[in-house]
């Protein structure tokens, strides 16, 4: 998810960040049999919540997201993908799974 200040824009009601958070919660609710994690990004990306089966925690983390979390603005989608890939690989290595991402 990306949360630069542009996410406060109201071109989508009520605003982009609220709409994104509502979508993310629905996505979590539809993935109840999967492990999930959260990567947040704006000018940089980082793991906000590591992979887990705790869907209630994931929803709490999503609801706690804000634009103030971004150290600097931007849309570092490439960094977010790299962070996610690294997180999956590290998790697979810990679990002893042969992971070919």
PDB file of N, CA and C in Angstrom:
ATOM      1  N   UNK A   1       0.843  -1.158   0.000  1.00  0.00           N
ATOM      2  CA  UNK A   1       0.000   0.000   0.000  1.00  0.00           C
ATOM      3  C   UNK A   1       0.894   1.229   0.000  1.00  0.00           C
ATOM      4  N   UNK A   2       0.460   2.235  -0.654  1.00  0.00           N
ATOM      5  CA  UNK A   2       1.237   3.465  -0.689  1.00  0.00           C
ATOM      6  C   UNK A   2       0.470   4.577   0.003  1.00  0.00           C
ATOM      7  N   UNK A   3       1.159   5.358   0.820  1.00  0.00           N
ATOM      8  CA  UNK A   3       0.475   6.404   1.554  1.00  0.00           C
ATOM      9  C   UNK A   3       1.198   7.741   1.547  1.00  0.00           C
ATOM     10  N   UNK A   4       1.553   8.260   0.373  1.00  0.00           N
ATOM     11  CA  UNK A   4       2.062   9.633   0.357  1.00  0.00           C
ATOM     12  C   UNK A   4       0.887  10.580   0.597  1.00  0.00           C
ATOM     13  N   UNK A   5       1.184  11.853   0.757  1.00  0.00           N
ATOM     14  CA  UNK A   5       0.132  12.833   1.034  1.00  0.00           C
ATOM     15  C   UNK A   5      -0.944  12.869  -0.035  1.00  0.00           C
ATOM     16  N   UNK A   6      -0.621  12.438  -1.254  1.00  0.00           N
ATOM     17  CA  UNK A   6      -1.639  12.401  -2.310  1.00  0.00           C
ATOM     18  C   UNK A   6      -2.781  11.466  -1.947  1.00  0.00           C
ATOM     19  N   UNK A   7      -2.544  10.577  -0.983  1.00  0.00           N
ATOM     20  CA  UNK A   7      -3.605   9.657  -0.565  1.00  0.00           C
ATOM     21  C   UNK A   7      -4.711  10.381   0.193  1.00  0.00           C
ATOM     22  N   UNK A   8      -4.493  11.627   0.558  1.00  0.00           N
ATOM     23  CA  UNK A   8      -5.534  12.417   1.216  1.00  0.00           C
ATOM     24  C   UNK A   8      -6.471  13.081   0.213  1.00  0.00           C
ATOM     25  N   UNK A   9      -6.143  12.970  -1.071  1.00  0.00           N
ATOM     26  CA  UNK A   9      -6.965  13.554  -2.122  1.00  0.00           C
ATOM     27  C   UNK A   9      -8.381  12.988  -2.047  1.00  0.00           C
ATOM     28  N   UNK A  10      -9.350  13.840  -2.305  1.00  0.00           N
ATOM     29  CA  UNK A  10     -10.755  13.439  -2.212  1.00  0.00           C
ATOM     30  C   UNK A  10     -11.377  13.218  -3.582  1.00  0.00           C
ATOM     31  N   UNK A  11     -10.544  12.864  -4.584  1.00  0.00           N
ATOM     32  CA  UNK A  11     -11.109  12.557  -5.899  1.00  0.00           C
ATOM     33  C   UNK A  11     -11.884  11.241  -5.875  1.00  0.00           C
ATOM     34  N   UNK A  12     -11.663  10.438  -4.845  1.00  0.00           N
ATOM     35  CA  UNK A  12     -12.421   9.217  -4.576  1.00  0.00           C
ATOM     36  C   UNK A  12     -13.005   9.405  -3.179  1.00  0.00           C
ATOM     37  N   UNK A  13     -14.318   9.210  -3.049  1.00  0.00           N
ATOM     38  CA  UNK A  13     -14.965   9.454  -1.758  1.00  0.00           C
ATOM     39  C   UNK A  13     -14.698   8.307  -0.790  1.00  0.00           C
ATOM     40  N   UNK A  14     -14.462   8.557   0.481  1.00  0.00           N
ATOM     41  CA  UNK A  14     -14.287   9.884   1.076  1.00  0.00           C
ATOM     42  C   UNK A  14     -12.894  10.462   0.787  1.00  0.00           C
ATOM     43  N   UNK A  15     -11.875   9.630   0.659  1.00  0.00           N
ATOM     44  CA  UNK A  15     -10.535  10.020   0.216  1.00  0.00           C
ATOM     45  C   UNK A  15      -9.788   8.744  -0.166  1.00  0.00           C
ATOM     46  N   UNK A  16      -8.661   8.905  -0.806  1.00  0.00           N
ATOM     47  CA  UNK A  16      -7.929   7.744  -1.332  1.00  0.00           C
ATOM     48  C   UNK A  16      -7.471   6.782  -0.232  1.00  0.00           C
ATOM     49  N   UNK A  17      -6.968   7.302   0.876  1.00  0.00           N
ATOM     50  CA  UNK A  17      -6.438   6.414   1.915  1.00  0.00           C
ATOM     51  C   UNK A  17      -7.553   5.600   2.557  1.00  0.00           C
ATOM     52  N   UNK A  18      -8.684   6.230   2.813  1.00  0.00           N
ATOM     53  CA  UNK A  18      -9.807   5.498   3.411  1.00  0.00           C
ATOM     54  C   UNK A  18     -10.303   4.426   2.449  1.00  0.00           C
ATOM     55  N   UNK A  19     -10.426   4.762   1.186  1.00  0.00           N
ATOM     56  CA  UNK A  19     -10.876   3.791   0.182  1.00  0.00           C
ATOM     57  C   UNK A  19      -9.892   2.626   0.084  1.00  0.00           C
ATOM     58  N   UNK A  20      -8.587   2.914   0.101  1.00  0.00           N
ATOM     59  CA  UNK A  20      -7.576   1.865   0.033  1.00  0.00           C
ATOM     60  C   UNK A  20      -7.628   0.968   1.266  1.00  0.00           C
ATOM     61  N   UNK A  21      -7.826   1.555   2.432  1.00  0.00           N
ATOM     62  CA  UNK A  21      -7.905   0.776   3.663  1.00  0.00           C
ATOM     63  C   UNK A  21      -9.144  -0.120   3.666  1.00  0.00           C
ATOM     64  N   UNK A  22     -10.273   0.397   3.192  1.00  0.00           N
ATOM     65  CA  UNK A  22     -11.489  -0.425   3.102  1.00  0.00           C
ATOM     66  C   UNK A  22     -11.278  -1.602   2.158  1.00  0.00           C
ATOM     67  N   UNK A  23     -10.624  -1.339   1.020  1.00  0.00           N
ATOM     68  CA  UNK A  23     -10.319  -2.414   0.069  1.00  0.00           C
ATOM     69  C   UNK A  23      -9.393  -3.441   0.703  1.00  0.00           C
ATOM     70  N   UNK A  24      -8.363  -2.977   1.408  1.00  0.00           N
ATOM     71  CA  UNK A  24      -7.405  -3.891   2.028  1.00  0.00           C
ATOM     72  C   UNK A  24      -8.083  -4.764   3.078  1.00  0.00           C
ATOM     73  N   UNK A  25      -8.982  -4.209   3.858  1.00  0.00           N
ATOM     74  CA  UNK A  25      -9.704  -5.003   4.861  1.00  0.00           C
ATOM     75  C   UNK A  25     -10.545  -6.072   4.175  1.00  0.00           C
ATOM     76  N   UNK A  26     -11.246  -5.712   3.095  1.00  0.00           N
ATOM     77  CA  UNK A  26     -12.035  -6.697   2.348  1.00  0.00           C
ATOM     78  C   UNK A  26     -11.139  -7.796   1.788  1.00  0.00           C
ATOM     79  N   UNK A  27      -9.968  -7.414   1.306  1.00  0.00           N
ATOM     80  CA  UNK A  27      -9.020  -8.391   0.774  1.00  0.00           C
ATOM     81  C   UNK A  27      -8.574  -9.353   1.868  1.00  0.00           C
ATOM     82  N   UNK A  28      -8.235  -8.832   3.031  1.00  0.00           N
ATOM     83  CA  UNK A  28      -7.838  -9.679   4.167  1.00  0.00           C
ATOM     84  C   UNK A  28      -8.966 -10.637   4.519  1.00  0.00           C
ATOM     85  N   UNK A  29     -10.177 -10.131   4.573  1.00  0.00           N
ATOM     86  CA  UNK A  29     -11.321 -10.971   4.932  1.00  0.00           C
ATOM     87  C   UNK A  29     -11.565 -12.077   3.915  1.00  0.00           C
ATOM     88  N   UNK A  30     -11.182 -11.844   2.666  1.00  0.00           N
ATOM     89  CA  UNK A  30     -11.383 -12.868   1.631  1.00  0.00           C
ATOM     90  C   UNK A  30     -10.242 -13.884   1.589  1.00  0.00           C
ATOM     91  N   UNK A  31      -9.178 -13.646   2.327  1.00  0.00           N
ATOM     92  CA  UNK A  31      -7.991 -14.506   2.286  1.00  0.00           C
ATOM     93  C   UNK A  31      -7.818 -15.268   3.599  1.00  0.00           C
ATOM     94  N   UNK A  32      -8.874 -15.611   4.258  1.00  0.00           N
ATOM     95  CA  UNK A  32      -8.811 -16.206   5.592  1.00  0.00           C
ATOM     96  C   UNK A  32      -8.037 -17.522   5.662  1.00  0.00           C
ATOM     97  N   UNK A  33      -7.735 -18.139   4.552  1.00  0.00           N
ATOM     98  CA  UNK A  33      -6.960 -19.388   4.602  1.00  0.00           C
ATOM     99  C   UNK A  33      -5.497 -19.169   4.230  1.00  0.00           C
ATOM    100  N   UNK A  34      -5.089 -17.926   4.031  1.00  0.00           N
ATOM    101  CA  UNK A  34      -3.729 -17.602   3.589  1.00  0.00           C
ATOM    102  C   UNK A  34      -2.984 -16.813   4.659  1.00  0.00           C
ATOM    103  N   UNK A  35      -1.677 -16.918   4.652  1.00  0.00           N
ATOM    104  CA  UNK A  35      -0.855 -16.042   5.483  1.00  0.00           C
ATOM    105  C   UNK A  35      -0.729 -14.712   4.752  1.00  0.00           C
ATOM    106  N   UNK A  36      -0.782 -13.647   5.501  1.00  0.00           N
ATOM    107  CA  UNK A  36      -0.730 -12.323   4.888  1.00  0.00           C
ATOM    108  C   UNK A  36       0.279 -11.445   5.628  1.00  0.00           C
ATOM    109  N   UNK A  37       0.748 -10.436   4.938  1.00  0.00           N
ATOM    110  CA  UNK A  37       1.637  -9.444   5.519  1.00  0.00           C
ATOM    111  C   UNK A  37       1.341  -8.111   4.862  1.00  0.00           C
ATOM    112  N   UNK A  38       1.923  -7.063   5.387  1.00  0.00           N
ATOM    113  CA  UNK A  38       1.694  -5.732   4.836  1.00  0.00           C
ATOM    114  C   UNK A  38       3.022  -5.041   4.561  1.00  0.00           C
ATOM    115  N   UNK A  39       3.150  -4.538   3.354  1.00  0.00           N
ATOM    116  CA  UNK A  39       4.266  -3.704   2.953  1.00  0.00           C
ATOM    117  C   UNK A  39       3.683  -2.318   2.711  1.00  0.00           C
ATOM    118  N   UNK A  40       4.233  -1.300   3.332  1.00  0.00           N
ATOM    119  CA  UNK A  40       3.791   0.065   3.074  1.00  0.00           C
ATOM    120  C   UNK A  40       4.898   0.798   2.338  1.00  0.00           C
ATOM    121  N   UNK A  41       4.489   1.748   1.511  1.00  0.00           N
ATOM    122  CA  UNK A  41       5.484   2.494   0.759  1.00  0.00           C
ATOM    123  C   UNK A  41       4.951   3.854   0.349  1.00  0.00           C
ATOM    124  N   UNK A  42       5.871   4.743   0.207  1.00  0.00           N
ATOM    125  CA  UNK A  42       5.670   6.067  -0.398  1.00  0.00           C
ATOM    126  C   UNK A  42       6.984   6.318  -1.110  1.00  0.00           C
ATOM    127  N   UNK A  43       7.881   7.133  -0.506  1.00  0.00           N
ATOM    128  CA  UNK A  43       9.201   7.352  -1.079  1.00  0.00           C
ATOM    129  C   UNK A  43      10.143   6.195  -0.816  1.00  0.00           C
ATOM    130  N   UNK A  44       9.786   5.327   0.115  1.00  0.00           N
ATOM    131  CA  UNK A  44      10.539   4.116   0.457  1.00  0.00           C
ATOM    132  C   UNK A  44       9.531   3.057   0.882  1.00  0.00           C
ATOM    133  N   UNK A  45       9.986   1.827   0.945  1.00  0.00           N
ATOM    134  CA  UNK A  45       9.095   0.721   1.302  1.00  0.00           C
ATOM    135  C   UNK A  45       9.668  -0.046   2.486  1.00  0.00           C
ATOM    136  N   UNK A  46       8.778  -0.596   3.309  1.00  0.00           N
ATOM    137  CA  UNK A  46       9.226  -1.444   4.405  1.00  0.00           C
ATOM    138  C   UNK A  46       8.100  -2.385   4.820  1.00  0.00           C
ATOM    139  N   UNK A  47       8.494  -3.465   5.514  1.00  0.00           N
ATOM    140  CA  UNK A  47       7.519  -4.415   6.039  1.00  0.00           C
ATOM    141  C   UNK A  47       6.854  -3.757   7.240  1.00  0.00           C
ATOM    142  N   UNK A  48       5.570  -3.581   7.149  1.00  0.00           N
ATOM    143  CA  UNK A  48       4.797  -2.979   8.241  1.00  0.00           C
ATOM    144  C   UNK A  48       4.276  -4.072   9.168  1.00  0.00           C
ATOM    145  N   UNK A  49       3.915  -5.224   8.591  1.00  0.00           N
ATOM    146  CA  UNK A  49       3.477  -6.372   9.364  1.00  0.00           C
ATOM    147  C   UNK A  49       3.986  -7.622   8.660  1.00  0.00           C
ATOM    148  N   UNK A  50       4.793  -8.441   9.340  1.00  0.00           N
ATOM    149  CA  UNK A  50       5.297  -9.661   8.699  1.00  0.00           C
ATOM    150  C   UNK A  50       4.178 -10.670   8.464  1.00  0.00           C
ATOM    151  N   UNK A  51       4.480 -11.692   7.674  1.00  0.00           N
ATOM    152  CA  UNK A  51       3.485 -12.716   7.368  1.00  0.00           C
ATOM    153  C   UNK A  51       2.899 -13.323   8.635  1.00  0.00           C
ATOM    154  N   UNK A  52       1.589 -13.491   8.618  1.00  0.00           N
ATOM    155  CA  UNK A  52       0.879 -14.002   9.787  1.00  0.00           C
ATOM    156  C   UNK A  52      -0.443 -14.633   9.369  1.00  0.00           C
ATOM    157  N   UNK A  53      -1.027 -15.383  10.270  1.00  0.00           N
ATOM    158  CA  UNK A  53      -2.394 -15.888  10.117  1.00  0.00           C
ATOM    159  C   UNK A  53      -3.363 -15.101  10.994  1.00  0.00           C
ATOM    160  N   UNK A  54      -2.871 -14.075  11.649  1.00  0.00           N
ATOM    161  CA  UNK A  54      -3.695 -13.275  12.557  1.00  0.00           C
ATOM    162  C   UNK A  54      -4.389 -12.166  11.769  1.00  0.00           C
ATOM    163  N   UNK A  55      -5.561 -12.491  11.254  1.00  0.00           N
ATOM    164  CA  UNK A  55      -6.299 -11.566  10.397  1.00  0.00           C
ATOM    165  C   UNK A  55      -6.818 -10.361  11.166  1.00  0.00           C
ATOM    166  N   UNK A  56      -7.165 -10.545  12.432  1.00  0.00           N
ATOM    167  CA  UNK A  56      -7.621  -9.403  13.234  1.00  0.00           C
ATOM    168  C   UNK A  56      -6.489  -8.403  13.425  1.00  0.00           C
ATOM    169  N   UNK A  57      -5.271  -8.909  13.650  1.00  0.00           N
ATOM    170  CA  UNK A  57      -4.121  -8.015  13.775  1.00  0.00           C
ATOM    171  C   UNK A  57      -3.891  -7.276  12.455  1.00  0.00           C
ATOM    172  N   UNK A  58      -4.016  -7.994  11.343  1.00  0.00           N
ATOM    173  CA  UNK A  58      -3.817  -7.366  10.035  1.00  0.00           C
ATOM    174  C   UNK A  58      -4.809  -6.225   9.837  1.00  0.00           C
ATOM    175  N   UNK A  59      -6.044  -6.455  10.200  1.00  0.00           N
ATOM    176  CA  UNK A  59      -7.066  -5.408  10.066  1.00  0.00           C
ATOM    177  C   UNK A  59      -6.738  -4.229  10.983  1.00  0.00           C
ATOM    178  N   UNK A  60      -6.273  -4.513  12.193  1.00  0.00           N
ATOM    179  CA  UNK A  60      -5.866  -3.429  13.099  1.00  0.00           C
ATOM    180  C   UNK A  60      -4.703  -2.635  12.510  1.00  0.00           C
ATOM    181  N   UNK A  61      -3.720  -3.346  11.925  1.00  0.00           N
ATOM    182  CA  UNK A  61      -2.588  -2.665  11.300  1.00  0.00           C
ATOM    183  C   UNK A  61      -3.065  -1.791  10.140  1.00  0.00           C
ATOM    184  N   UNK A  62      -3.952  -2.325   9.316  1.00  0.00           N
ATOM    185  CA  UNK A  62      -4.485  -1.553   8.184  1.00  0.00           C
ATOM    186  C   UNK A  62      -5.191  -0.306   8.678  1.00  0.00           C
ATOM    187  N   UNK A  63      -6.045  -0.475   9.679  1.00  0.00           N
ATOM    188  CA  UNK A  63      -6.790   0.675  10.203  1.00  0.00           C
ATOM    189  C   UNK A  63      -5.878   1.710  10.834  1.00  0.00           C
ATOM    190  N   UNK A  64      -4.681   1.307  11.259  1.00  0.00           N
ATOM    191  CA  UNK A  64      -3.736   2.229  11.866  1.00  0.00           C
ATOM    192  C   UNK A  64      -2.856   2.977  10.871  1.00  0.00           C
ATOM    193  N   UNK A  65      -2.969   2.662   9.586  1.00  0.00           N
ATOM    194  CA  UNK A  65      -2.149   3.326   8.573  1.00  0.00           C
ATOM    195  C   UNK A  65      -2.533   4.795   8.421  1.00  0.00           C
ATOM    196  N   UNK A  66      -1.511   5.626   8.213  1.00  0.00           N
ATOM    197  CA  UNK A  66      -1.762   7.047   7.965  1.00  0.00           C
ATOM    198  C   UNK A  66      -0.659   7.615   7.079  1.00  0.00           C
ATOM    199  N   UNK A  67      -0.932   8.747   6.495  1.00  0.00           N
ATOM    200  CA  UNK A  67       0.061   9.391   5.631  1.00  0.00           C
ATOM    201  C   UNK A  67       1.263   9.871   6.423  1.00  0.00           C
ATOM    202  N   UNK A  68       1.117  10.088   7.714  1.00  0.00           N
ATOM    203  CA  UNK A  68       2.227  10.536   8.541  1.00  0.00           C
ATOM    204  C   UNK A  68       3.324   9.475   8.665  1.00  0.00           C
ATOM    205  N   UNK A  69       3.023   8.240   8.277  1.00  0.00           N
ATOM    206  CA  UNK A  69       4.002   7.156   8.363  1.00  0.00           C
ATOM    207  C   UNK A  69       5.083   7.284   7.301  1.00  0.00           C
ATOM    208  N   UNK A  70       4.826   8.047   6.263  1.00  0.00           N
ATOM    209  CA  UNK A  70       5.788   8.202   5.167  1.00  0.00           C
ATOM    210  C   UNK A  70       6.856   9.213   5.562  1.00  0.00           C
ATOM    211  N   UNK A  71       8.106   8.755   5.602  1.00  0.00           N
ATOM    212  CA  UNK A  71       9.217   9.655   5.934  1.00  0.00           C
ATOM    213  C   UNK A  71       9.402  10.710   4.859  1.00  0.00           C
ATOM    214  N   UNK A  72       9.218  10.298   3.613  1.00  0.00           N
ATOM    215  CA  UNK A  72       9.272  11.229   2.508  1.00  0.00           C
ATOM    216  C   UNK A  72       8.358  10.745   1.402  1.00  0.00           C
ATOM    217  N   UNK A  73       7.941  11.674   0.570  1.00  0.00           N
ATOM    218  CA  UNK A  73       6.913  11.408  -0.431  1.00  0.00           C
ATOM    219  C   UNK A  73       7.472  10.692  -1.659  1.00  0.00           C
ATOM    220  N   UNK A  74       6.588  10.087  -2.397  1.00  0.00           N
ATOM    221  CA  UNK A  74       6.951   9.388  -3.616  1.00  0.00           C
ATOM    222  C   UNK A  74       6.058   8.175  -3.802  1.00  0.00           C
ATOM    223  N   UNK A  75       6.382   7.383  -4.812  1.00  0.00           N
ATOM    224  CA  UNK A  75       5.645   6.151  -5.075  1.00  0.00           C
ATOM    225  C   UNK A  75       6.662   5.088  -5.468  1.00  0.00           C
ATOM    226  N   UNK A  76       7.338   4.525  -4.494  1.00  0.00           N
ATOM    227  CA  UNK A  76       8.413   3.564  -4.717  1.00  0.00           C
ATOM    228  C   UNK A  76       7.853   2.148  -4.871  1.00  0.00           C
ATOM    229  N   UNK A  77       7.044   1.941  -5.903  1.00  0.00           N
ATOM    230  CA  UNK A  77       6.423   0.630  -6.112  1.00  0.00           C
ATOM    231  C   UNK A  77       7.473  -0.444  -6.347  1.00  0.00           C
ATOM    232  N   UNK A  78       8.545  -0.116  -7.063  1.00  0.00           N
ATOM    233  CA  UNK A  78       9.616  -1.086  -7.293  1.00  0.00           C
ATOM    234  C   UNK A  78      10.248  -1.533  -5.986  1.00  0.00           C
ATOM    235  N   UNK A  79      10.474  -0.572  -5.091  1.00  0.00           N
ATOM    236  CA  UNK A  79      11.022  -0.906  -3.775  1.00  0.00           C
ATOM    237  C   UNK A  79      10.059  -1.798  -2.997  1.00  0.00           C
ATOM    238  N   UNK A  80       8.765  -1.524  -3.095  1.00  0.00           N
ATOM    239  CA  UNK A  80       7.765  -2.329  -2.389  1.00  0.00           C
ATOM    240  C   UNK A  80       7.784  -3.775  -2.889  1.00  0.00           C
ATOM    241  N   UNK A  81       7.910  -3.950  -4.176  1.00  0.00           N
ATOM    242  CA  UNK A  81       7.969  -5.308  -4.740  1.00  0.00           C
ATOM    243  C   UNK A  81       9.225  -6.027  -4.261  1.00  0.00           C
ATOM    244  N   UNK A  82      10.364  -5.317  -4.257  1.00  0.00           N
ATOM    245  CA  UNK A  82      11.609  -5.922  -3.779  1.00  0.00           C
ATOM    246  C   UNK A  82      11.525  -6.290  -2.300  1.00  0.00           C
ATOM    247  N   UNK A  83      10.952  -5.423  -1.484  1.00  0.00           N
ATOM    248  CA  UNK A  83      10.800  -5.706  -0.057  1.00  0.00           C
ATOM    249  C   UNK A  83       9.900  -6.923   0.146  1.00  0.00           C
ATOM    250  N   UNK A  84       8.809  -6.997  -0.613  1.00  0.00           N
ATOM    251  CA  UNK A  84       7.899  -8.141  -0.506  1.00  0.00           C
ATOM    252  C   UNK A  84       8.598  -9.429  -0.920  1.00  0.00           C
ATOM    253  N   UNK A  85       9.332  -9.389  -2.013  1.00  0.00           N
ATOM    254  CA  UNK A  85      10.055 -10.577  -2.475  1.00  0.00           C
ATOM    255  C   UNK A  85      11.054 -11.042  -1.421  1.00  0.00           C
ATOM    256  N   UNK A  86      11.792 -10.116  -0.852  1.00  0.00           N
ATOM    257  CA  UNK A  86      12.773 -10.452   0.178  1.00  0.00           C
ATOM    258  C   UNK A  86      12.073 -11.049   1.405  1.00  0.00           C
ATOM    259  N   UNK A  87      10.945 -10.469   1.809  1.00  0.00           N
ATOM    260  CA  UNK A  87      10.198 -10.976   2.969  1.00  0.00           C
ATOM    261  C   UNK A  87       9.700 -12.395   2.719  1.00  0.00           C
ATOM    262  N   UNK A  88       9.169 -12.664   1.525  1.00  0.00           N
ATOM    263  CA  UNK A  88       8.710 -14.009   1.189  1.00  0.00           C
ATOM    264  C   UNK A  88       9.875 -14.994   1.190  1.00  0.00           C
ATOM    265  N   UNK A  89      10.987 -14.595   0.617  1.00  0.00           N
ATOM    266  CA  UNK A  89      12.159 -15.466   0.545  1.00  0.00           C
ATOM    267  C   UNK A  89      12.683 -15.778   1.941  1.00  0.00           C
ATOM    268  N   UNK A  90      12.779 -14.763   2.798  1.00  0.00           N
ATOM    269  CA  UNK A  90      13.244 -14.980   4.165  1.00  0.00           C
ATOM    270  C   UNK A  90      12.305 -15.909   4.922  1.00  0.00           C
ATOM    271  N   UNK A  91      11.008 -15.722   4.744  1.00  0.00           N
ATOM    272  CA  UNK A  91      10.024 -16.572   5.418  1.00  0.00           C
ATOM    273  C   UNK A  91      10.133 -18.009   4.918  1.00  0.00           C
ATOM    274  N   UNK A  92      10.294 -18.183   3.609  1.00  0.00           N
ATOM    275  CA  UNK A  92      10.432 -19.528   3.042  1.00  0.00           C
ATOM    276  C   UNK A  92      11.695 -20.203   3.570  1.00  0.00           C
ATOM    277  N   UNK A  93      12.785 -19.451   3.654  1.00  0.00           N
ATOM    278  CA  UNK A  93      14.030 -20.010   4.178  1.00  0.00           C
ATOM    279  C   UNK A  93      13.871 -20.439   5.626  1.00  0.00           C
ATOM    280  N   UNK A  94      13.189 -19.640   6.437  1.00  0.00           N
ATOM    281  CA  UNK A  94      12.936 -19.994   7.840  1.00  0.00           C
ATOM    282  C   UNK A  94      12.095 -21.260   7.939  1.00  0.00           C
ATOM    283  N   UNK A  95      11.151 -21.400   7.038  1.00  0.00           N
ATOM    284  CA  UNK A  95      10.249 -22.552   7.066  1.00  0.00           C
ATOM    285  C   UNK A  95      10.838 -23.773   6.351  1.00  0.00           C
ATOM    286  N   UNK A  96      12.001 -23.592   5.696  1.00  0.00           N
ATOM    287  CA  UNK A  96      12.620 -24.701   4.980  1.00  0.00           C
ATOM    288  C   UNK A  96      11.899 -25.055   3.696  1.00  0.00           C
ATOM    289  N   UNK A  97      11.269 -24.074   3.072  1.00  0.00           N
ATOM    290  CA  UNK A  97      10.513 -24.278   1.842  1.00  0.00           C
ATOM    291  C   UNK A  97      11.386 -23.876   0.668  1.00  0.00           C
ATOM    292  N   UNK A  98      11.383 -24.697  -0.384  1.00  0.00           N
ATOM    293  CA  UNK A  98      12.091 -24.347  -1.609  1.00  0.00           C
ATOM    294  C   UNK A  98      11.237 -23.308  -2.317  1.00  0.00           C
ATOM    295  N   UNK A  99      11.711 -22.073  -2.336  1.00  0.00           N
ATOM    296  CA  UNK A  99      10.917 -20.963  -2.844  1.00  0.00           C
ATOM    297  C   UNK A  99      11.574 -20.381  -4.093  1.00  0.00           C
ATOM    298  N   UNK A 100      10.882 -20.413  -5.193  1.00  0.00           N
ATOM    299  CA  UNK A 100      11.394 -19.834  -6.441  1.00  0.00           C
ATOM    300  C   UNK A 100      10.490 -18.695  -6.869  1.00  0.00           C
ATOM    301  N   UNK A 101      10.762 -17.515  -6.349  1.00  0.00           N
ATOM    302  CA  UNK A 101       9.972 -16.340  -6.731  1.00  0.00           C
ATOM    303  C   UNK A 101      10.581 -15.738  -7.967  1.00  0.00           C
TER     304      UNK A 101
END
